[in-house]
Amino acid sequence: MRVRIPPRALGVGRAQGGDHPAQPLAFFGLPPFSDSPYRIGVMVAQSRTPKLIQQLRWAVRAHHYSRRTEEAYVGWVRRYVRFHGLRHPGTLGADAIRQFLTALAARAQLSASSQTQALSALLFLYREVLQKDPGSAGDIVRAKQPARLPVVLSREEVRELLRGLQGVPRVVGLLLYGSGLHLLEALQLRFKDVDFAGGEIRVRRAKGAKDRVTVLPGALTEELM
């Protein structure tokens, strides 16, 4: 036999003029929702300023930089913060940047291009995220750029290389060589951006967030049809 206990007997009767219980939490010894830890936690979370890395990501995306650039900038900023003992970059300046970049060249022995990318990441952080002029980095030990001759394959070597590829890697290779696409552009290419009749490929949001048109190789037309 089931016994139904009226809600008013439990002290959780409905409030006057409303559809919700008057004080359902008080019966169980809990504070009202407005004073509960959950409510307070939500209010605190909403009032917090986003973390530095998240602000950096938003700024990079607002400038329409590539995903690889975003990850590279985030990586350099993290290394910069760790190098200075987890101090906030806002408390650091040009001397700190100089010390970090010099250490990259002297101790880490990174290439000149990596050191330049690290400098670009830090300048972007200070100017676009922290809204602060980092000043001049001054005398920095620059990594030496080795003088190397570019490796240029002959036409026969290219044919042999492409002949050894099959499936998707072969299509990507043809796009890189025949259309001059970057690797990410080839991987993100959509079928509707290929104009078989006009012999063109429309690259969406290429470098600098700009669209461009390039040629469609005849060999690739046979691969895709």
C-alpha atoms as a PDB file:
ATOM      1  CA  MET A   1       0.000   0.000   0.000  1.00  0.00           C
ATOM      2  CA  ARG A   2       1.472   3.359  -1.069  1.00  0.00           C
ATOM      3  CA  VAL A   3       0.984   6.344   1.206  1.00  0.00           C
ATOM      4  CA  ARG A   4       1.037   9.770  -0.439  1.00  0.00           C
ATOM      5  CA  ILE A   5       2.366  12.527   1.794  1.00  0.00           C
ATOM      6  CA  PRO A   6       1.191  16.019   0.869  1.00  0.00           C
ATOM      7  CA  PRO A   7       4.044  18.355  -0.167  1.00  0.00           C
ATOM      8  CA  ARG A   8       3.029  20.905   2.464  1.00  0.00           C
ATOM      9  CA  ALA A   9       3.683  18.326   5.180  1.00  0.00           C
ATOM     10  CA  LEU A  10       7.330  18.220   4.061  1.00  0.00           C
ATOM     11  CA  GLY A  11       7.633  21.980   3.966  1.00  0.00           C
ATOM     12  CA  VAL A  12       8.144  22.094   0.219  1.00  0.00           C
ATOM     13  CA  GLY A  13       4.807  23.563  -0.736  1.00  0.00           C
ATOM     14  CA  ARG A  14       4.478  25.788  -3.759  1.00  0.00           C
ATOM     15  CA  ALA A  15       5.092  29.485  -3.391  1.00  0.00           C
ATOM     16  CA  GLN A  16       2.192  31.814  -3.706  1.00  0.00           C
ATOM     17  CA  GLY A  17       1.531  32.776  -7.304  1.00  0.00           C
ATOM     18  CA  GLY A  18       4.331  30.514  -8.606  1.00  0.00           C
ATOM     19  CA  ASP A  19       4.873  27.005  -9.915  1.00  0.00           C
ATOM     20  CA  HIS A  20       8.108  26.281  -8.026  1.00  0.00           C
ATOM     21  CA  PRO A  21       8.541  25.032  -4.456  1.00  0.00           C
ATOM     22  CA  ALA A  22       8.970  27.784  -1.889  1.00  0.00           C
ATOM     23  CA  GLN A  23      12.122  26.383  -0.225  1.00  0.00           C
ATOM     24  CA  PRO A  24      12.788  22.826  -1.436  1.00  0.00           C
ATOM     25  CA  LEU A  25      16.477  22.950  -0.482  1.00  0.00           C
ATOM     26  CA  ALA A  26      15.922  24.192   3.053  1.00  0.00           C
ATOM     27  CA  PHE A  27      14.121  20.960   3.968  1.00  0.00           C
ATOM     28  CA  PHE A  28      17.324  18.999   3.206  1.00  0.00           C
ATOM     29  CA  GLY A  29      19.549  21.432   5.088  1.00  0.00           C
ATOM     30  CA  LEU A  30      20.904  23.030   1.910  1.00  0.00           C
ATOM     31  CA  PRO A  31      21.179  26.768   1.256  1.00  0.00           C
ATOM     32  CA  PRO A  32      18.977  28.402  -1.374  1.00  0.00           C
ATOM     33  CA  PHE A  33      20.186  28.178  -4.972  1.00  0.00           C
ATOM     34  CA  SER A  34      21.298  31.804  -4.998  1.00  0.00           C
ATOM     35  CA  ASP A  35      23.745  31.049  -2.156  1.00  0.00           C
ATOM     36  CA  SER A  36      24.770  27.558  -3.193  1.00  0.00           C
ATOM     37  CA  PRO A  37      28.411  26.812  -4.060  1.00  0.00           C
ATOM     38  CA  TYR A  38      27.345  25.890  -7.617  1.00  0.00           C
ATOM     39  CA  ARG A  39      25.778  29.297  -8.171  1.00  0.00           C
ATOM     40  CA  ILE A  40      28.730  31.100  -6.651  1.00  0.00           C
ATOM     41  CA  GLY A  41      31.141  29.039  -8.760  1.00  0.00           C
ATOM     42  CA  VAL A  42      29.302  29.934 -11.964  1.00  0.00           C
ATOM     43  CA  MET A  43      29.369  33.635 -11.101  1.00  0.00           C
ATOM     44  CA  VAL A  44      33.092  33.550 -10.299  1.00  0.00           C
ATOM     45  CA  ALA A  45      33.897  31.646 -13.508  1.00  0.00           C
ATOM     46  CA  GLN A  46      31.966  34.156 -15.587  1.00  0.00           C
ATOM     47  CA  SER A  47      33.778  37.076 -13.995  1.00  0.00           C
ATOM     48  CA  ARG A  48      37.273  35.673 -14.507  1.00  0.00           C
ATOM     49  CA  THR A  49      39.521  37.080 -17.218  1.00  0.00           C
ATOM     50  CA  PRO A  50      40.431  34.463 -19.866  1.00  0.00           C
ATOM     51  CA  LYS A  51      43.864  32.928 -19.472  1.00  0.00           C
ATOM     52  CA  LEU A  52      46.789  34.406 -21.346  1.00  0.00           C
ATOM     53  CA  ILE A  53      47.089  31.491 -23.775  1.00  0.00           C
ATOM     54  CA  GLN A  54      43.384  31.687 -24.619  1.00  0.00           C
ATOM     55  CA  GLN A  55      43.683  35.428 -25.244  1.00  0.00           C
ATOM     56  CA  LEU A  56      46.663  34.730 -27.494  1.00  0.00           C
ATOM     57  CA  ARG A  57      44.699  32.165 -29.508  1.00  0.00           C
ATOM     58  CA  TRP A  58      41.789  34.581 -29.956  1.00  0.00           C
ATOM     59  CA  ALA A  59      44.133  37.332 -31.145  1.00  0.00           C
ATOM     60  CA  VAL A  60      45.877  35.026 -33.639  1.00  0.00           C
ATOM     61  CA  ARG A  61      42.541  33.883 -35.061  1.00  0.00           C
ATOM     62  CA  ALA A  62      41.303  37.467 -35.260  1.00  0.00           C
ATOM     63  CA  HIS A  63      44.267  38.190 -37.564  1.00  0.00           C
ATOM     64  CA  HIS A  64      43.377  35.112 -39.682  1.00  0.00           C
ATOM     65  CA  TYR A  65      46.716  33.422 -39.154  1.00  0.00           C
ATOM     66  CA  SER A  66      47.019  29.749 -39.996  1.00  0.00           C
ATOM     67  CA  ARG A  67      46.506  26.993 -37.449  1.00  0.00           C
ATOM     68  CA  ARG A  68      50.194  26.113 -37.577  1.00  0.00           C
ATOM     69  CA  THR A  69      51.150  29.701 -36.804  1.00  0.00           C
ATOM     70  CA  GLU A  70      48.763  29.674 -33.854  1.00  0.00           C
ATOM     71  CA  GLU A  71      50.286  26.520 -32.398  1.00  0.00           C
ATOM     72  CA  ALA A  72      53.812  27.825 -32.996  1.00  0.00           C
ATOM     73  CA  TYR A  73      53.077  31.144 -31.235  1.00  0.00           C
ATOM     74  CA  VAL A  74      51.468  29.342 -28.294  1.00  0.00           C
ATOM     75  CA  GLY A  75      54.482  27.052 -28.002  1.00  0.00           C
ATOM     76  CA  TRP A  76      56.977  29.932 -27.974  1.00  0.00           C
ATOM     77  CA  VAL A  77      55.014  31.902 -25.391  1.00  0.00           C
ATOM     78  CA  ARG A  78      54.875  28.876 -23.113  1.00  0.00           C
ATOM     79  CA  ARG A  79      58.627  28.360 -23.422  1.00  0.00           C
ATOM     80  CA  TYR A  80      59.173  32.045 -22.732  1.00  0.00           C
ATOM     81  CA  VAL A  81      57.092  31.894 -19.539  1.00  0.00           C
ATOM     82  CA  ARG A  82      58.863  28.746 -18.322  1.00  0.00           C
ATOM     83  CA  PHE A  83      62.275  30.249 -19.105  1.00  0.00           C
ATOM     84  CA  HIS A  84      61.539  33.129 -16.704  1.00  0.00           C
ATOM     85  CA  GLY A  85      60.258  30.957 -13.875  1.00  0.00           C
ATOM     86  CA  LEU A  86      56.527  31.146 -14.708  1.00  0.00           C
ATOM     87  CA  ARG A  87      56.459  34.926 -14.327  1.00  0.00           C
ATOM     88  CA  HIS A  88      53.665  36.716 -16.171  1.00  0.00           C
ATOM     89  CA  PRO A  89      54.930  38.321 -19.419  1.00  0.00           C
ATOM     90  CA  GLY A  90      53.220  41.557 -18.411  1.00  0.00           C
ATOM     91  CA  THR A  91      55.842  41.986 -15.684  1.00  0.00           C
ATOM     92  CA  LEU A  92      58.700  41.424 -18.137  1.00  0.00           C
ATOM     93  CA  GLY A  93      60.139  43.650 -20.822  1.00  0.00           C
ATOM     94  CA  ALA A  94      62.782  43.995 -23.510  1.00  0.00           C
ATOM     95  CA  ASP A  95      65.582  42.622 -21.316  1.00  0.00           C
ATOM     96  CA  ALA A  96      63.620  39.419 -20.704  1.00  0.00           C
ATOM     97  CA  ILE A  97      62.967  38.996 -24.434  1.00  0.00           C
ATOM     98  CA  ARG A  98      66.655  39.554 -25.187  1.00  0.00           C
ATOM     99  CA  GLN A  99      67.736  36.967 -22.621  1.00  0.00           C
ATOM    100  CA  PHE A 100      65.309  34.388 -23.988  1.00  0.00           C
ATOM    101  CA  LEU A 101      66.251  34.854 -27.642  1.00  0.00           C
ATOM    102  CA  THR A 102      69.959  34.851 -26.843  1.00  0.00           C
ATOM    103  CA  ALA A 103      69.571  31.601 -24.930  1.00  0.00           C
ATOM    104  CA  LEU A 104      67.808  30.032 -27.901  1.00  0.00           C
ATOM    105  CA  ALA A 105      70.778  30.746 -30.137  1.00  0.00           C
ATOM    106  CA  ALA A 106      73.568  30.113 -27.625  1.00  0.00           C
ATOM    107  CA  ARG A 107      72.298  27.150 -25.607  1.00  0.00           C
ATOM    108  CA  ALA A 108      69.428  25.577 -27.530  1.00  0.00           C
ATOM    109  CA  GLN A 109      71.293  26.093 -30.832  1.00  0.00           C
ATOM    110  CA  LEU A 110      68.111  26.673 -32.802  1.00  0.00           C
ATOM    111  CA  SER A 111      68.100  27.790 -36.397  1.00  0.00           C
ATOM    112  CA  ALA A 112      67.839  31.422 -37.451  1.00  0.00           C
ATOM    113  CA  SER A 113      64.301  30.902 -38.748  1.00  0.00           C
ATOM    114  CA  SER A 114      63.165  29.435 -35.412  1.00  0.00           C
ATOM    115  CA  GLN A 115      64.670  32.334 -33.513  1.00  0.00           C
ATOM    116  CA  THR A 116      62.936  34.800 -35.820  1.00  0.00           C
ATOM    117  CA  GLN A 117      59.626  33.008 -35.322  1.00  0.00           C
ATOM    118  CA  ALA A 118      60.074  33.158 -31.536  1.00  0.00           C
ATOM    119  CA  LEU A 119      60.685  36.895 -31.738  1.00  0.00           C
ATOM    120  CA  SER A 120      57.580  37.364 -33.888  1.00  0.00           C
ATOM    121  CA  ALA A 121      55.508  35.391 -31.385  1.00  0.00           C
ATOM    122  CA  LEU A 122      56.669  37.502 -28.444  1.00  0.00           C
ATOM    123  CA  LEU A 123      56.167  40.788 -30.284  1.00  0.00           C
ATOM    124  CA  PHE A 124      52.650  39.679 -31.216  1.00  0.00           C
ATOM    125  CA  LEU A 125      51.953  38.748 -27.596  1.00  0.00           C
ATOM    126  CA  TYR A 126      53.009  42.120 -26.240  1.00  0.00           C
ATOM    127  CA  ARG A 127      51.484  44.293 -28.945  1.00  0.00           C
ATOM    128  CA  GLU A 128      48.229  42.478 -29.693  1.00  0.00           C
ATOM    129  CA  VAL A 129      47.385  40.722 -26.411  1.00  0.00           C
ATOM    130  CA  LEU A 130      49.024  42.673 -23.596  1.00  0.00           C
ATOM    131  CA  GLN A 131      48.653  45.998 -25.445  1.00  0.00           C
ATOM    132  CA  LYS A 132      52.170  46.896 -24.366  1.00  0.00           C
ATOM    133  CA  ASP A 133      55.200  48.138 -26.245  1.00  0.00           C
ATOM    134  CA  PRO A 134      58.037  45.703 -25.474  1.00  0.00           C
ATOM    135  CA  GLY A 135      60.621  48.178 -26.669  1.00  0.00           C
ATOM    136  CA  SER A 136      63.729  47.264 -28.580  1.00  0.00           C
ATOM    137  CA  ALA A 137      65.239  43.859 -27.935  1.00  0.00           C
ATOM    138  CA  GLY A 138      68.621  45.437 -28.625  1.00  0.00           C
ATOM    139  CA  ASP A 139      71.689  43.271 -28.969  1.00  0.00           C
ATOM    140  CA  ILE A 140      70.612  39.684 -29.550  1.00  0.00           C
ATOM    141  CA  VAL A 141      72.922  36.813 -30.323  1.00  0.00           C
ATOM    142  CA  ARG A 142      71.607  35.823 -33.723  1.00  0.00           C
ATOM    143  CA  ALA A 143      71.619  32.221 -34.831  1.00  0.00           C
ATOM    144  CA  LYS A 144      73.723  31.759 -37.943  1.00  0.00           C
ATOM    145  CA  GLN A 145      71.887  30.911 -41.129  1.00  0.00           C
ATOM    146  CA  PRO A 146      73.922  28.298 -43.007  1.00  0.00           C
ATOM    147  CA  ALA A 147      74.473  28.938 -46.680  1.00  0.00           C
ATOM    148  CA  ARG A 148      72.947  25.988 -48.487  1.00  0.00           C
ATOM    149  CA  LEU A 149      72.135  25.416 -52.111  1.00  0.00           C
ATOM    150  CA  PRO A 150      68.488  24.504 -52.756  1.00  0.00           C
ATOM    151  CA  VAL A 151      67.773  20.952 -53.826  1.00  0.00           C
ATOM    152  CA  VAL A 152      66.084  20.990 -57.235  1.00  0.00           C
ATOM    153  CA  LEU A 153      64.858  17.728 -58.725  1.00  0.00           C
ATOM    154  CA  SER A 154      65.023  17.132 -62.430  1.00  0.00           C
ATOM    155  CA  ARG A 155      61.857  16.355 -64.389  1.00  0.00           C
ATOM    156  CA  GLU A 156      62.753  12.693 -64.567  1.00  0.00           C
ATOM    157  CA  GLU A 157      63.346  12.546 -60.802  1.00  0.00           C
ATOM    158  CA  VAL A 158      59.950  14.159 -60.217  1.00  0.00           C
ATOM    159  CA  ARG A 159      58.277  11.600 -62.496  1.00  0.00           C
ATOM    160  CA  GLU A 160      59.942   8.748 -60.617  1.00  0.00           C
ATOM    161  CA  LEU A 161      58.869  10.224 -57.290  1.00  0.00           C
ATOM    162  CA  LEU A 162      55.241  10.671 -58.332  1.00  0.00           C
ATOM    163  CA  ARG A 163      55.202   7.252 -59.976  1.00  0.00           C
ATOM    164  CA  GLY A 164      55.995   5.685 -56.629  1.00  0.00           C
ATOM    165  CA  LEU A 165      52.990   7.310 -54.911  1.00  0.00           C
ATOM    166  CA  GLN A 166      49.507   5.841 -54.869  1.00  0.00           C
ATOM    167  CA  GLY A 167      46.050   7.037 -53.790  1.00  0.00           C
ATOM    168  CA  VAL A 168      45.708  10.213 -51.744  1.00  0.00           C
ATOM    169  CA  PRO A 169      49.489  10.795 -51.365  1.00  0.00           C
ATOM    170  CA  ARG A 170      49.795  10.787 -55.165  1.00  0.00           C
ATOM    171  CA  VAL A 171      46.979  13.351 -55.546  1.00  0.00           C
ATOM    172  CA  VAL A 172      48.586  15.576 -52.898  1.00  0.00           C
ATOM    173  CA  GLY A 173      51.968  15.252 -54.597  1.00  0.00           C
ATOM    174  CA  LEU A 174      50.484  16.283 -57.945  1.00  0.00           C
ATOM    175  CA  LEU A 175      48.830  19.284 -56.310  1.00  0.00           C
ATOM    176  CA  LEU A 176      52.084  20.380 -54.685  1.00  0.00           C
ATOM    177  CA  TYR A 177      54.141  20.004 -57.835  1.00  0.00           C
ATOM    178  CA  GLY A 178      51.661  20.832 -60.582  1.00  0.00           C
ATOM    179  CA  SER A 179      49.523  23.511 -58.925  1.00  0.00           C
ATOM    180  CA  GLY A 180      52.012  25.045 -56.502  1.00  0.00           C
ATOM    181  CA  LEU A 181      49.776  24.478 -53.482  1.00  0.00           C
ATOM    182  CA  HIS A 182      51.103  24.441 -49.941  1.00  0.00           C
ATOM    183  CA  LEU A 183      50.694  21.215 -48.016  1.00  0.00           C
ATOM    184  CA  LEU A 184      47.780  22.409 -45.868  1.00  0.00           C
ATOM    185  CA  GLU A 185      46.096  23.954 -48.911  1.00  0.00           C
ATOM    186  CA  ALA A 186      46.239  20.609 -50.686  1.00  0.00           C
ATOM    187  CA  LEU A 187      44.933  18.704 -47.665  1.00  0.00           C
ATOM    188  CA  GLN A 188      42.038  21.128 -47.168  1.00  0.00           C
ATOM    189  CA  LEU A 189      41.049  21.367 -50.833  1.00  0.00           C
ATOM    190  CA  ARG A 190      37.376  20.693 -51.519  1.00  0.00           C
ATOM    191  CA  PHE A 191      36.069  18.991 -54.639  1.00  0.00           C
ATOM    192  CA  LYS A 192      33.743  21.900 -55.429  1.00  0.00           C
ATOM    193  CA  ASP A 193      36.755  24.241 -55.621  1.00  0.00           C
ATOM    194  CA  VAL A 194      38.102  22.335 -58.652  1.00  0.00           C
ATOM    195  CA  ASP A 195      36.967  23.726 -62.006  1.00  0.00           C
ATOM    196  CA  PHE A 196      37.531  20.936 -64.511  1.00  0.00           C
ATOM    197  CA  ALA A 197      36.052  22.886 -67.419  1.00  0.00           C
ATOM    198  CA  GLY A 198      38.239  25.937 -66.855  1.00  0.00           C
ATOM    199  CA  GLY A 199      41.288  23.959 -65.712  1.00  0.00           C
ATOM    200  CA  GLU A 200      41.554  25.944 -62.471  1.00  0.00           C
ATOM    201  CA  ILE A 201      41.678  25.375 -58.741  1.00  0.00           C
ATOM    202  CA  ARG A 202      40.276  27.973 -56.364  1.00  0.00           C
ATOM    203  CA  VAL A 203      42.193  28.026 -53.086  1.00  0.00           C
ATOM    204  CA  ARG A 204      40.012  29.331 -50.259  1.00  0.00           C
ATOM    205  CA  ARG A 205      41.504  31.372 -47.421  1.00  0.00           C
ATOM    206  CA  ALA A 206      45.080  30.945 -48.550  1.00  0.00           C
ATOM    207  CA  LYS A 207      48.006  32.744 -46.946  1.00  0.00           C
ATOM    208  CA  GLY A 208      46.833  36.066 -45.566  1.00  0.00           C
ATOM    209  CA  ALA A 209      43.214  34.817 -45.525  1.00  0.00           C
ATOM    210  CA  LYS A 210      42.917  35.604 -49.255  1.00  0.00           C
ATOM    211  CA  ASP A 211      41.442  33.473 -52.029  1.00  0.00           C
ATOM    212  CA  ARG A 212      43.530  32.760 -55.090  1.00  0.00           C
ATOM    213  CA  VAL A 213      43.251  30.802 -58.327  1.00  0.00           C
ATOM    214  CA  THR A 214      45.865  28.422 -59.697  1.00  0.00           C
ATOM    215  CA  VAL A 215      46.113  25.964 -62.569  1.00  0.00           C
ATOM    216  CA  LEU A 216      44.747  22.419 -62.573  1.00  0.00           C
ATOM    217  CA  PRO A 217      47.356  20.007 -63.982  1.00  0.00           C
ATOM    218  CA  GLY A 218      46.152  17.752 -66.798  1.00  0.00           C
ATOM    219  CA  ALA A 219      47.528  14.665 -65.032  1.00  0.00           C
ATOM    220  CA  LEU A 220      45.531  15.521 -61.945  1.00  0.00           C
ATOM    221  CA  THR A 221      42.323  15.834 -63.968  1.00  0.00           C
ATOM    222  CA  GLU A 222      42.587  12.179 -64.897  1.00  0.00           C
ATOM    223  CA  GLU A 223      43.254  11.230 -61.264  1.00  0.00           C
ATOM    224  CA  LEU A 224      40.173  13.042 -59.943  1.00  0.00           C
ATOM    225  CA  MET A 225      37.664  12.201 -62.681  1.00  0.00           C
END
